[in-house]
Amino acid sequence: MKLAILYHSKTGNTKEVGEIIAVGAREVTDVEVKCMSINDIDYEYLNEAKTVIFGCPTYYADFSWQMKKWFDESWGCKLGGKLGAMFATEDYLGGGADFTLLTLAGHMLVKGMLVYSGGSAEGQPYTHYGVVCIKNGDSEQRERAKIFGKRIALKTIELFK
């Protein structure tokens, strides 16, 4: 079952966190994971994926204009009915990543996606909206990202197998 991680990354931090999430997702049997920049998308894979995890840096307490542009122009992508999740990076604690995650969630809902984070239902560590890492994350944030990836992959299997 295919899971796509689609991100925008200017400095490499968001890409790195996406790759950590992929490590966790790959721990789940029968899940194939591919990380892609919005600048280099395998559209065939993206359209076949049952789940898409979006990642974005936080700029001025919101998501990047590049990700906004991608959502605005992505009408050819088959996102409706897919499971969607999200993660964000920021330069410092309180940088607005919660707004980035909520904005991503709103865009996924408009596309007809099923939005999931695991919230508090999965227990510790909590991922209320999704994963947030400061820059590329400290060891605790990186471990949370890995666990998040595994949880999203497990939910993918639960919903679509």
C-alpha atoms as a PDB file:
ATOM      1  CA  MET A   1       0.000   0.000   0.000  1.00  0.00           C
ATOM      2  CA  LYS A   2       1.487   3.342  -1.045  1.00  0.00           C
ATOM      3  CA  LEU A   3       2.053   6.269   1.296  1.00  0.00           C
ATOM      4  CA  ALA A   4       3.451   9.543  -0.071  1.00  0.00           C
ATOM      5  CA  ILE A   5       5.260  12.204   1.923  1.00  0.00           C
ATOM      6  CA  LEU A   6       5.053  15.486   0.047  1.00  0.00           C
ATOM      7  CA  TYR A   7       6.945  18.484   1.364  1.00  0.00           C
ATOM      8  CA  HIS A   8       8.340  21.921   0.625  1.00  0.00           C
ATOM      9  CA  SER A   9      11.785  22.504   2.117  1.00  0.00           C
ATOM     10  CA  LYS A  10      13.947  25.558   1.587  1.00  0.00           C
ATOM     11  CA  THR A  11      16.771  24.770   4.033  1.00  0.00           C
ATOM     12  CA  GLY A  12      16.516  20.978   4.116  1.00  0.00           C
ATOM     13  CA  ASN A  13      14.990  20.786   7.613  1.00  0.00           C
ATOM     14  CA  THR A  14      11.495  19.849   6.425  1.00  0.00           C
ATOM     15  CA  LYS A  15      12.930  17.293   3.995  1.00  0.00           C
ATOM     16  CA  GLU A  16      14.934  15.718   6.815  1.00  0.00           C
ATOM     17  CA  VAL A  17      11.892  15.478   9.099  1.00  0.00           C
ATOM     18  CA  GLY A  18       9.907  13.922   6.244  1.00  0.00           C
ATOM     19  CA  GLU A  19      12.598  11.273   5.867  1.00  0.00           C
ATOM     20  CA  ILE A  20      12.406  10.519   9.610  1.00  0.00           C
ATOM     21  CA  ILE A  21       8.622  10.113   9.312  1.00  0.00           C
ATOM     22  CA  ALA A  22       9.251   7.738   6.394  1.00  0.00           C
ATOM     23  CA  VAL A  23      11.516   5.576   8.579  1.00  0.00           C
ATOM     24  CA  GLY A  24       8.650   5.063  11.026  1.00  0.00           C
ATOM     25  CA  ALA A  25       6.117   4.389   8.275  1.00  0.00           C
ATOM     26  CA  ARG A  26       8.397   1.769   6.714  1.00  0.00           C
ATOM     27  CA  GLU A  27       8.266  -0.233   9.956  1.00  0.00           C
ATOM     28  CA  VAL A  28       4.719  -1.246   8.995  1.00  0.00           C
ATOM     29  CA  THR A  29       4.392  -4.353   6.829  1.00  0.00           C
ATOM     30  CA  ASP A  30       2.816  -3.863   3.397  1.00  0.00           C
ATOM     31  CA  VAL A  31       3.441  -0.101   3.325  1.00  0.00           C
ATOM     32  CA  GLU A  32       5.599   1.421   0.591  1.00  0.00           C
ATOM     33  CA  VAL A  33       6.781   4.981   1.274  1.00  0.00           C
ATOM     34  CA  LYS A  34       8.097   7.651  -1.065  1.00  0.00           C
ATOM     35  CA  CYS A  35       9.265  11.139  -0.019  1.00  0.00           C
ATOM     36  CA  MET A  36       8.908  13.868  -2.622  1.00  0.00           C
ATOM     37  CA  SER A  37       9.551  17.579  -2.835  1.00  0.00           C
ATOM     38  CA  ILE A  38       6.749  19.651  -4.360  1.00  0.00           C
ATOM     39  CA  ASN A  39       9.394  20.564  -6.956  1.00  0.00           C
ATOM     40  CA  ASP A  40       9.949  16.937  -8.002  1.00  0.00           C
ATOM     41  CA  ILE A  41       6.729  14.912  -7.744  1.00  0.00           C
ATOM     42  CA  ASP A  42       6.081  11.434  -9.061  1.00  0.00           C
ATOM     43  CA  TYR A  43       2.434  12.122  -9.924  1.00  0.00           C
ATOM     44  CA  GLU A  44       1.700   8.494 -10.785  1.00  0.00           C
ATOM     45  CA  TYR A  45       2.850   7.427  -7.315  1.00  0.00           C
ATOM     46  CA  LEU A  46       1.010  10.312  -5.647  1.00  0.00           C
ATOM     47  CA  ASN A  47      -2.249   9.445  -7.396  1.00  0.00           C
ATOM     48  CA  GLU A  48      -1.903   5.764  -6.442  1.00  0.00           C
ATOM     49  CA  ALA A  49      -1.062   6.487  -2.786  1.00  0.00           C
ATOM     50  CA  LYS A  50      -3.778   5.860  -0.214  1.00  0.00           C
ATOM     51  CA  THR A  51      -2.205   8.367   2.181  1.00  0.00           C
ATOM     52  CA  VAL A  52      -0.379  11.656   1.732  1.00  0.00           C
ATOM     53  CA  ILE A  53       1.547  13.286   4.570  1.00  0.00           C
ATOM     54  CA  PHE A  54       2.222  16.953   3.813  1.00  0.00           C
ATOM     55  CA  GLY A  55       5.173  18.795   5.337  1.00  0.00           C
ATOM     56  CA  CYS A  56       5.990  22.454   5.287  1.00  0.00           C
ATOM     57  CA  PRO A  57       8.191  25.054   6.961  1.00  0.00           C
ATOM     58  CA  THR A  58       6.560  27.816   8.952  1.00  0.00           C
ATOM     59  CA  TYR A  59       6.985  31.377   7.703  1.00  0.00           C
ATOM     60  CA  TYR A  60       5.364  34.273   9.532  1.00  0.00           C
ATOM     61  CA  ALA A  61       3.169  31.846  11.509  1.00  0.00           C
ATOM     62  CA  ASP A  62       1.773  30.185   8.386  1.00  0.00           C
ATOM     63  CA  PHE A  63       2.744  27.720   5.695  1.00  0.00           C
ATOM     64  CA  SER A  64       4.986  28.638   2.781  1.00  0.00           C
ATOM     65  CA  TRP A  65       3.664  30.349  -0.330  1.00  0.00           C
ATOM     66  CA  GLN A  66       5.202  27.527  -2.355  1.00  0.00           C
ATOM     67  CA  MET A  67       2.960  24.962  -0.648  1.00  0.00           C
ATOM     68  CA  LYS A  68      -0.049  27.273  -1.054  1.00  0.00           C
ATOM     69  CA  LYS A  69       0.721  27.578  -4.766  1.00  0.00           C
ATOM     70  CA  TRP A  70       0.989  23.797  -5.055  1.00  0.00           C
ATOM     71  CA  PHE A  71      -2.422  23.294  -3.437  1.00  0.00           C
ATOM     72  CA  ASP A  72      -3.909  26.013  -5.661  1.00  0.00           C
ATOM     73  CA  GLU A  73      -2.614  24.319  -8.805  1.00  0.00           C
ATOM     74  CA  SER A  74      -3.035  20.646  -7.848  1.00  0.00           C
ATOM     75  CA  TRP A  75      -6.465  20.016  -9.343  1.00  0.00           C
ATOM     76  CA  GLY A  76      -5.087  17.218 -11.500  1.00  0.00           C
ATOM     77  CA  CYS A  77      -4.041  15.239  -8.429  1.00  0.00           C
ATOM     78  CA  LYS A  78      -6.402  12.618  -7.070  1.00  0.00           C
ATOM     79  CA  LEU A  79      -6.468  13.586  -3.384  1.00  0.00           C
ATOM     80  CA  GLY A  80     -10.159  13.047  -2.587  1.00  0.00           C
ATOM     81  CA  GLY A  81     -10.784  10.078  -0.292  1.00  0.00           C
ATOM     82  CA  LYS A  82      -7.130   9.701   0.683  1.00  0.00           C
ATOM     83  CA  LEU A  83      -5.928   9.799   4.273  1.00  0.00           C
ATOM     84  CA  GLY A  84      -4.058  13.032   4.939  1.00  0.00           C
ATOM     85  CA  ALA A  85      -1.683  14.008   7.723  1.00  0.00           C
ATOM     86  CA  MET A  86       0.751  16.854   8.231  1.00  0.00           C
ATOM     87  CA  PHE A  87       3.972  18.012   9.836  1.00  0.00           C
ATOM     88  CA  ALA A  88       5.737  21.333  10.116  1.00  0.00           C
ATOM     89  CA  THR A  89       9.096  22.792  10.954  1.00  0.00           C
ATOM     90  CA  GLU A  90       9.833  26.153  12.522  1.00  0.00           C
ATOM     91  CA  ASP A  91      12.939  28.055  13.571  1.00  0.00           C
ATOM     92  CA  TYR A  92      11.978  28.401  17.235  1.00  0.00           C
ATOM     93  CA  LEU A  93       9.381  27.330  19.783  1.00  0.00           C
ATOM     94  CA  GLY A  94       6.224  29.376  19.341  1.00  0.00           C
ATOM     95  CA  GLY A  95       7.027  30.174  15.718  1.00  0.00           C
ATOM     96  CA  GLY A  96       3.485  29.467  14.569  1.00  0.00           C
ATOM     97  CA  ALA A  97       3.723  25.852  13.421  1.00  0.00           C
ATOM     98  CA  ASP A  98       0.286  25.117  14.905  1.00  0.00           C
ATOM     99  CA  PHE A  99      -1.202  27.562  12.382  1.00  0.00           C
ATOM    100  CA  THR A 100       0.813  25.922   9.613  1.00  0.00           C
ATOM    101  CA  LEU A 101      -0.666  22.535  10.530  1.00  0.00           C
ATOM    102  CA  LEU A 102      -4.210  23.882  10.735  1.00  0.00           C
ATOM    103  CA  THR A 103      -3.842  25.635   7.380  1.00  0.00           C
ATOM    104  CA  LEU A 104      -2.593  22.405   5.813  1.00  0.00           C
ATOM    105  CA  ALA A 105      -5.542  20.537   7.369  1.00  0.00           C
ATOM    106  CA  GLY A 106      -7.964  23.066   5.903  1.00  0.00           C
ATOM    107  CA  HIS A 107      -6.497  22.667   2.438  1.00  0.00           C
ATOM    108  CA  MET A 108      -6.671  18.875   2.717  1.00  0.00           C
ATOM    109  CA  LEU A 109     -10.327  19.060   3.719  1.00  0.00           C
ATOM    110  CA  VAL A 110     -11.088  21.260   0.700  1.00  0.00           C
ATOM    111  CA  LYS A 111      -9.474  18.574  -1.481  1.00  0.00           C
ATOM    112  CA  GLY A 112     -11.778  15.942   0.059  1.00  0.00           C
ATOM    113  CA  MET A 113      -9.154  14.186   2.145  1.00  0.00           C
ATOM    114  CA  LEU A 114      -9.691  12.372   5.449  1.00  0.00           C
ATOM    115  CA  VAL A 115      -7.490  14.255   7.924  1.00  0.00           C
ATOM    116  CA  TYR A 116      -5.837  12.298  10.756  1.00  0.00           C
ATOM    117  CA  SER A 117      -3.109  12.964  13.312  1.00  0.00           C
ATOM    118  CA  GLY A 118      -3.533  10.317  15.985  1.00  0.00           C
ATOM    119  CA  GLY A 119      -4.209  13.154  18.430  1.00  0.00           C
ATOM    120  CA  SER A 120      -4.226  11.970  22.014  1.00  0.00           C
ATOM    121  CA  ALA A 121      -6.114   8.751  21.175  1.00  0.00           C
ATOM    122  CA  GLU A 122      -2.850   6.914  20.475  1.00  0.00           C
ATOM    123  CA  GLY A 123      -1.333   7.931  23.823  1.00  0.00           C
ATOM    124  CA  GLN A 124       2.109   9.390  24.369  1.00  0.00           C
ATOM    125  CA  PRO A 125       3.623  11.075  22.511  1.00  0.00           C
ATOM    126  CA  TYR A 126       0.622  13.199  21.614  1.00  0.00           C
ATOM    127  CA  THR A 127       0.364  14.600  18.101  1.00  0.00           C
ATOM    128  CA  HIS A 128      -2.684  16.830  18.386  1.00  0.00           C
ATOM    129  CA  TYR A 129      -2.475  18.360  14.895  1.00  0.00           C
ATOM    130  CA  GLY A 130       0.627  16.627  13.594  1.00  0.00           C
ATOM    131  CA  VAL A 131       4.357  16.658  14.211  1.00  0.00           C
ATOM    132  CA  VAL A 132       6.323  19.865  14.780  1.00  0.00           C
ATOM    133  CA  CYS A 133      10.109  20.033  14.822  1.00  0.00           C
ATOM    134  CA  ILE A 134      12.243  23.043  15.609  1.00  0.00           C
ATOM    135  CA  LYS A 135      14.635  23.207  12.659  1.00  0.00           C
ATOM    136  CA  ASN A 136      15.272  19.486  11.980  1.00  0.00           C
ATOM    137  CA  GLY A 137      14.305  18.452  15.515  1.00  0.00           C
ATOM    138  CA  ASP A 138      16.042  17.466  18.713  1.00  0.00           C
ATOM    139  CA  SER A 139      16.196  13.775  19.640  1.00  0.00           C
ATOM    140  CA  GLU A 140      12.740  13.802  21.283  1.00  0.00           C
ATOM    141  CA  GLN A 141      11.117  15.596  18.338  1.00  0.00           C
ATOM    142  CA  ARG A 142      12.791  13.235  15.867  1.00  0.00           C
ATOM    143  CA  GLU A 143      11.535  10.198  17.798  1.00  0.00           C
ATOM    144  CA  ARG A 144       8.024  11.699  17.831  1.00  0.00           C
ATOM    145  CA  ALA A 145       8.251  12.130  14.039  1.00  0.00           C
ATOM    146  CA  LYS A 146       9.235   8.486  13.609  1.00  0.00           C
ATOM    147  CA  ILE A 147       6.359   7.311  15.833  1.00  0.00           C
ATOM    148  CA  PHE A 148       3.981   9.597  13.909  1.00  0.00           C
ATOM    149  CA  GLY A 149       5.023   7.967  10.635  1.00  0.00           C
ATOM    150  CA  LYS A 150       4.354   4.514  12.025  1.00  0.00           C
ATOM    151  CA  ARG A 151       0.942   5.555  13.387  1.00  0.00           C
ATOM    152  CA  ILE A 152      -0.132   7.055  10.069  1.00  0.00           C
ATOM    153  CA  ALA A 153       1.004   3.925   8.217  1.00  0.00           C
ATOM    154  CA  LEU A 154      -0.938   1.709  10.639  1.00  0.00           C
ATOM    155  CA  LYS A 155      -4.059   3.840  10.127  1.00  0.00           C
ATOM    156  CA  THR A 156      -3.568   3.532   6.364  1.00  0.00           C
ATOM    157  CA  ILE A 157      -3.611  -0.261   6.641  1.00  0.00           C
ATOM    158  CA  GLU A 158      -6.618  -0.158   8.981  1.00  0.00           C
ATOM    159  CA  LEU A 159      -8.661   2.012   6.622  1.00  0.00           C
ATOM    160  CA  PHE A 160      -7.692   0.739   3.193  1.00  0.00           C
ATOM    161  CA  LYS A 161      -6.675  -2.926   3.442  1.00  0.00           C
END
